[in-house]
């Protein structure tokens, strides 16, 4: 196995770990139906950063970063939807 394949495996593994890191937050937010502890600014900055990295990965045609950032962007998008949905419910009940 050459160095390129090793680093591609490392990059793919890192991307999967990065994607998996948002799953517990998604599950907690969905289970508690509460997004009070999530920062809208954090989510907005995170999405912006992911979009910029994804743009660069598309330009470079780097499948590892395209896959990783695409999946992370999807999962973060789910978290944004939950944040917005439960934030509205929280505001309506106050």
N, C-alpha and C. Protein backbone atom coordinates (compact mmCIF):
# COMPACT_ATOMS: atom_id res chain seq x y z
N UNK A 1 0.86 -1.18 0.00
CA UNK A 1 0.00 0.00 0.00
C UNK A 1 0.90 1.24 0.00
N UNK A 2 0.65 2.14 -0.92
CA UNK A 2 1.49 3.32 -1.02
C UNK A 2 0.98 4.45 -0.12
N UNK A 3 1.78 5.48 0.02
CA UNK A 3 1.47 6.60 0.93
C UNK A 3 0.18 7.30 0.55
N UNK A 4 -0.12 7.42 -0.75
CA UNK A 4 -1.34 8.11 -1.18
C UNK A 4 -2.57 7.37 -0.66
N UNK A 5 -2.58 6.05 -0.76
CA UNK A 5 -3.72 5.27 -0.27
C UNK A 5 -3.85 5.37 1.25
N UNK A 6 -2.73 5.33 1.94
CA UNK A 6 -2.76 5.44 3.41
C UNK A 6 -3.36 6.77 3.82
N UNK A 7 -2.92 7.85 3.19
CA UNK A 7 -3.45 9.16 3.56
C UNK A 7 -4.90 9.34 3.12
N UNK A 8 -5.30 8.68 2.05
CA UNK A 8 -6.70 8.73 1.64
C UNK A 8 -7.58 8.01 2.67
N UNK A 9 -7.10 6.88 3.18
CA UNK A 9 -7.82 6.15 4.23
C UNK A 9 -7.88 6.98 5.51
N UNK A 10 -6.76 7.61 5.86
CA UNK A 10 -6.75 8.48 7.05
C UNK A 10 -7.72 9.65 6.88
N UNK A 11 -7.72 10.27 5.72
CA UNK A 11 -8.61 11.39 5.46
C UNK A 11 -10.08 10.98 5.50
N UNK A 12 -10.38 9.84 4.91
CA UNK A 12 -11.76 9.34 4.92
C UNK A 12 -12.20 9.00 6.33
N UNK A 13 -11.33 8.36 7.09
CA UNK A 13 -11.64 8.02 8.48
C UNK A 13 -11.87 9.28 9.30
N UNK A 14 -11.00 10.26 9.13
CA UNK A 14 -11.17 11.54 9.83
C UNK A 14 -12.46 12.23 9.47
N UNK A 15 -12.82 12.20 8.19
CA UNK A 15 -14.08 12.80 7.74
C UNK A 15 -15.28 12.11 8.37
N UNK A 16 -15.23 10.78 8.43
CA UNK A 16 -16.33 10.03 9.05
C UNK A 16 -16.45 10.34 10.54
N UNK A 17 -15.32 10.44 11.22
CA UNK A 17 -15.33 10.78 12.65
C UNK A 17 -15.90 12.18 12.84
N UNK A 18 -15.49 13.12 11.99
CA UNK A 18 -16.00 14.48 12.08
C UNK A 18 -17.51 14.51 11.87
N UNK A 19 -17.99 13.74 10.91
CA UNK A 19 -19.43 13.65 10.66
C UNK A 19 -20.16 13.05 11.85
N UNK A 20 -19.60 11.99 12.38
CA UNK A 20 -20.23 11.29 13.51
C UNK A 20 -20.31 12.17 14.75
N UNK A 21 -19.44 13.16 14.86
CA UNK A 21 -19.43 14.00 16.06
C UNK A 21 -20.71 14.81 16.22
N UNK A 22 -21.42 15.08 15.15
CA UNK A 22 -22.65 15.86 15.27
C UNK A 22 -23.87 15.01 15.57
N UNK A 23 -23.77 13.71 15.39
CA UNK A 23 -24.92 12.83 15.61
C UNK A 23 -25.42 12.86 17.05
N UNK A 24 -24.55 12.81 18.08
CA UNK A 24 -25.08 12.89 19.45
C UNK A 24 -25.85 14.19 19.73
N UNK A 25 -25.39 15.31 19.16
CA UNK A 25 -26.09 16.58 19.38
C UNK A 25 -27.44 16.58 18.67
N UNK A 26 -27.49 16.02 17.49
CA UNK A 26 -28.76 15.91 16.76
C UNK A 26 -29.73 15.07 17.57
N UNK A 27 -29.26 13.92 18.05
CA UNK A 27 -30.12 13.01 18.82
C UNK A 27 -30.61 13.68 20.10
N UNK A 28 -29.72 14.38 20.81
CA UNK A 28 -30.11 15.04 22.06
C UNK A 28 -31.14 16.14 21.79
N UNK A 29 -30.90 16.93 20.77
CA UNK A 29 -31.83 18.02 20.44
C UNK A 29 -33.19 17.46 20.05
N UNK A 30 -33.19 16.40 19.26
CA UNK A 30 -34.45 15.79 18.84
C UNK A 30 -35.17 15.15 20.03
N UNK A 31 -34.43 14.45 20.87
CA UNK A 31 -35.03 13.74 22.00
C UNK A 31 -35.61 14.71 23.04
N UNK A 32 -34.89 15.78 23.33
CA UNK A 32 -35.36 16.74 24.34
C UNK A 32 -36.31 17.78 23.77
N UNK A 33 -36.36 17.90 22.43
CA UNK A 33 -37.18 18.91 21.76
C UNK A 33 -36.83 20.31 22.26
N UNK A 34 -35.54 20.50 22.56
CA UNK A 34 -35.06 21.77 23.11
C UNK A 34 -33.74 22.13 22.43
N UNK A 35 -33.66 23.36 21.95
CA UNK A 35 -32.42 23.81 21.31
C UNK A 35 -31.85 25.04 22.01
N UNK A 36 -32.27 25.27 23.25
CA UNK A 36 -31.83 26.46 23.98
C UNK A 36 -30.32 26.51 24.17
N UNK A 37 -29.66 25.35 24.27
CA UNK A 37 -28.22 25.34 24.51
C UNK A 37 -27.40 25.48 23.23
N UNK A 38 -28.05 25.52 22.08
CA UNK A 38 -27.33 25.68 20.82
C UNK A 38 -27.24 27.16 20.44
N UNK A 39 -26.10 27.56 19.94
CA UNK A 39 -25.89 28.93 19.51
C UNK A 39 -26.16 29.05 18.02
N UNK A 40 -27.06 29.93 17.67
CA UNK A 40 -27.35 30.18 16.27
C UNK A 40 -26.14 30.74 15.53
N UNK A 41 -25.37 31.58 16.20
CA UNK A 41 -24.16 32.14 15.60
C UNK A 41 -23.15 31.04 15.29
N UNK A 42 -22.98 30.12 16.24
CA UNK A 42 -22.07 29.00 16.04
C UNK A 42 -22.49 28.18 14.81
N UNK A 43 -23.77 27.86 14.73
CA UNK A 43 -24.26 27.07 13.61
C UNK A 43 -24.06 27.80 12.28
N UNK A 44 -24.32 29.09 12.26
CA UNK A 44 -24.17 29.87 11.03
C UNK A 44 -22.71 29.91 10.58
N UNK A 45 -21.80 30.14 11.53
CA UNK A 45 -20.38 30.19 11.20
C UNK A 45 -19.89 28.82 10.75
N UNK A 46 -20.35 27.77 11.41
CA UNK A 46 -19.97 26.41 11.04
C UNK A 46 -20.42 26.08 9.62
N UNK A 47 -21.67 26.40 9.29
CA UNK A 47 -22.19 26.14 7.94
C UNK A 47 -21.39 26.93 6.91
N UNK A 48 -21.10 28.18 7.20
CA UNK A 48 -20.31 29.01 6.28
C UNK A 48 -18.94 28.38 6.03
N UNK A 49 -18.27 27.98 7.10
CA UNK A 49 -16.96 27.35 6.96
C UNK A 49 -17.03 26.07 6.15
N UNK A 50 -18.04 25.26 6.40
CA UNK A 50 -18.20 24.01 5.65
C UNK A 50 -18.47 24.28 4.17
N UNK A 51 -19.27 25.30 3.89
CA UNK A 51 -19.54 25.65 2.49
C UNK A 51 -18.27 26.10 1.77
N UNK A 52 -17.44 26.87 2.46
CA UNK A 52 -16.19 27.33 1.86
C UNK A 52 -15.24 26.17 1.61
N UNK A 53 -15.12 25.28 2.59
CA UNK A 53 -14.26 24.11 2.42
C UNK A 53 -14.79 23.21 1.31
N UNK A 54 -16.10 23.03 1.26
CA UNK A 54 -16.70 22.21 0.21
C UNK A 54 -16.44 22.83 -1.17
N UNK A 55 -16.53 24.14 -1.26
CA UNK A 55 -16.23 24.82 -2.53
C UNK A 55 -14.80 24.54 -2.97
N UNK A 56 -13.89 24.63 -2.03
CA UNK A 56 -12.48 24.36 -2.33
C UNK A 56 -12.29 22.90 -2.74
N UNK A 57 -12.94 21.98 -2.02
CA UNK A 57 -12.82 20.56 -2.34
C UNK A 57 -13.37 20.26 -3.72
N UNK A 58 -14.48 20.91 -4.09
CA UNK A 58 -15.04 20.73 -5.42
C UNK A 58 -14.08 21.26 -6.49
N UNK A 59 -13.48 22.39 -6.22
CA UNK A 59 -12.50 22.97 -7.14
C UNK A 59 -11.31 22.02 -7.32
N UNK A 60 -10.84 21.43 -6.22
CA UNK A 60 -9.70 20.51 -6.26
C UNK A 60 -10.08 19.10 -6.73
N UNK A 61 -11.39 18.85 -6.78
CA UNK A 61 -11.92 17.53 -7.13
C UNK A 61 -11.39 16.46 -6.17
N UNK A 62 -11.37 16.82 -4.89
CA UNK A 62 -10.88 15.92 -3.83
C UNK A 62 -12.07 15.18 -3.23
N UNK A 63 -12.23 13.93 -3.64
CA UNK A 63 -13.41 13.15 -3.26
C UNK A 63 -13.52 12.97 -1.75
N UNK A 64 -12.40 12.84 -1.05
CA UNK A 64 -12.43 12.66 0.40
C UNK A 64 -13.05 13.88 1.07
N UNK A 65 -12.60 15.08 0.70
CA UNK A 65 -13.14 16.29 1.31
C UNK A 65 -14.54 16.59 0.81
N UNK A 66 -14.84 16.28 -0.43
CA UNK A 66 -16.20 16.48 -0.94
C UNK A 66 -17.17 15.61 -0.14
N UNK A 67 -16.84 14.34 0.01
CA UNK A 67 -17.69 13.41 0.76
C UNK A 67 -17.82 13.85 2.22
N UNK A 68 -16.70 14.09 2.87
CA UNK A 68 -16.72 14.45 4.29
C UNK A 68 -17.46 15.74 4.58
N UNK A 69 -17.15 16.77 3.81
CA UNK A 69 -17.81 18.05 4.05
C UNK A 69 -19.25 18.05 3.60
N UNK A 70 -19.55 17.31 2.55
CA UNK A 70 -20.94 17.19 2.13
C UNK A 70 -21.80 16.54 3.19
N UNK A 71 -21.30 15.44 3.75
CA UNK A 71 -22.02 14.75 4.81
C UNK A 71 -22.12 15.59 6.07
N UNK A 72 -21.02 16.26 6.44
CA UNK A 72 -21.05 17.13 7.61
C UNK A 72 -22.03 18.28 7.43
N UNK A 73 -22.06 18.83 6.23
CA UNK A 73 -22.98 19.92 5.93
C UNK A 73 -24.43 19.44 6.04
N UNK A 74 -24.70 18.25 5.56
CA UNK A 74 -26.04 17.67 5.66
C UNK A 74 -26.44 17.50 7.13
N UNK A 75 -25.56 16.93 7.93
CA UNK A 75 -25.87 16.71 9.35
C UNK A 75 -26.01 18.03 10.10
N UNK A 76 -25.16 19.00 9.79
CA UNK A 76 -25.28 20.30 10.43
C UNK A 76 -26.56 21.00 9.98
N UNK A 77 -26.95 20.78 8.72
CA UNK A 77 -28.22 21.32 8.23
C UNK A 77 -29.40 20.76 9.01
N UNK A 78 -29.35 19.47 9.33
CA UNK A 78 -30.40 18.86 10.16
C UNK A 78 -30.43 19.53 11.53
N UNK A 79 -29.26 19.78 12.08
CA UNK A 79 -29.19 20.44 13.39
C UNK A 79 -29.73 21.86 13.32
N UNK A 80 -29.46 22.56 12.24
CA UNK A 80 -30.00 23.93 12.06
C UNK A 80 -31.52 23.89 12.00
N UNK A 81 -32.07 22.94 11.27
CA UNK A 81 -33.52 22.80 11.17
C UNK A 81 -34.11 22.52 12.55
N UNK A 82 -33.51 21.61 13.31
CA UNK A 82 -33.99 21.31 14.66
C UNK A 82 -33.87 22.54 15.57
N UNK A 83 -32.75 23.24 15.47
CA UNK A 83 -32.55 24.45 16.28
C UNK A 83 -33.65 25.46 15.99
N UNK A 84 -33.92 25.69 14.71
CA UNK A 84 -34.94 26.66 14.33
C UNK A 84 -36.33 26.19 14.77
N UNK A 85 -36.62 24.94 14.55
CA UNK A 85 -37.94 24.39 14.89
C UNK A 85 -38.22 24.47 16.39
N UNK A 86 -37.28 24.05 17.19
CA UNK A 86 -37.51 24.02 18.64
C UNK A 86 -37.31 25.39 19.28
N UNK A 87 -36.57 26.26 18.64
CA UNK A 87 -36.43 27.63 19.13
C UNK A 87 -37.75 28.36 18.99
N UNK A 88 -38.41 28.15 17.88
CA UNK A 88 -39.73 28.76 17.65
C UNK A 88 -40.73 28.26 18.68
N UNK A 89 -40.74 26.94 18.92
CA UNK A 89 -41.66 26.36 19.91
C UNK A 89 -41.38 26.92 21.30
N UNK A 90 -40.09 27.10 21.62
CA UNK A 90 -39.71 27.63 22.93
C UNK A 90 -40.19 29.07 23.10
N UNK A 91 -40.06 29.86 22.03
CA UNK A 91 -40.49 31.26 22.08
C UNK A 91 -42.01 31.38 22.18
N UNK A 92 -42.73 30.46 21.55
CA UNK A 92 -44.17 30.51 21.56
C UNK A 92 -44.73 30.13 22.94
N UNK A 93 -44.02 29.29 23.67
CA UNK A 93 -44.51 28.87 24.98
C UNK A 93 -44.18 29.87 26.09
N UNK A 94 -43.33 30.86 25.77
CA UNK A 94 -42.98 31.86 26.80
C UNK A 94 -43.92 33.02 26.81
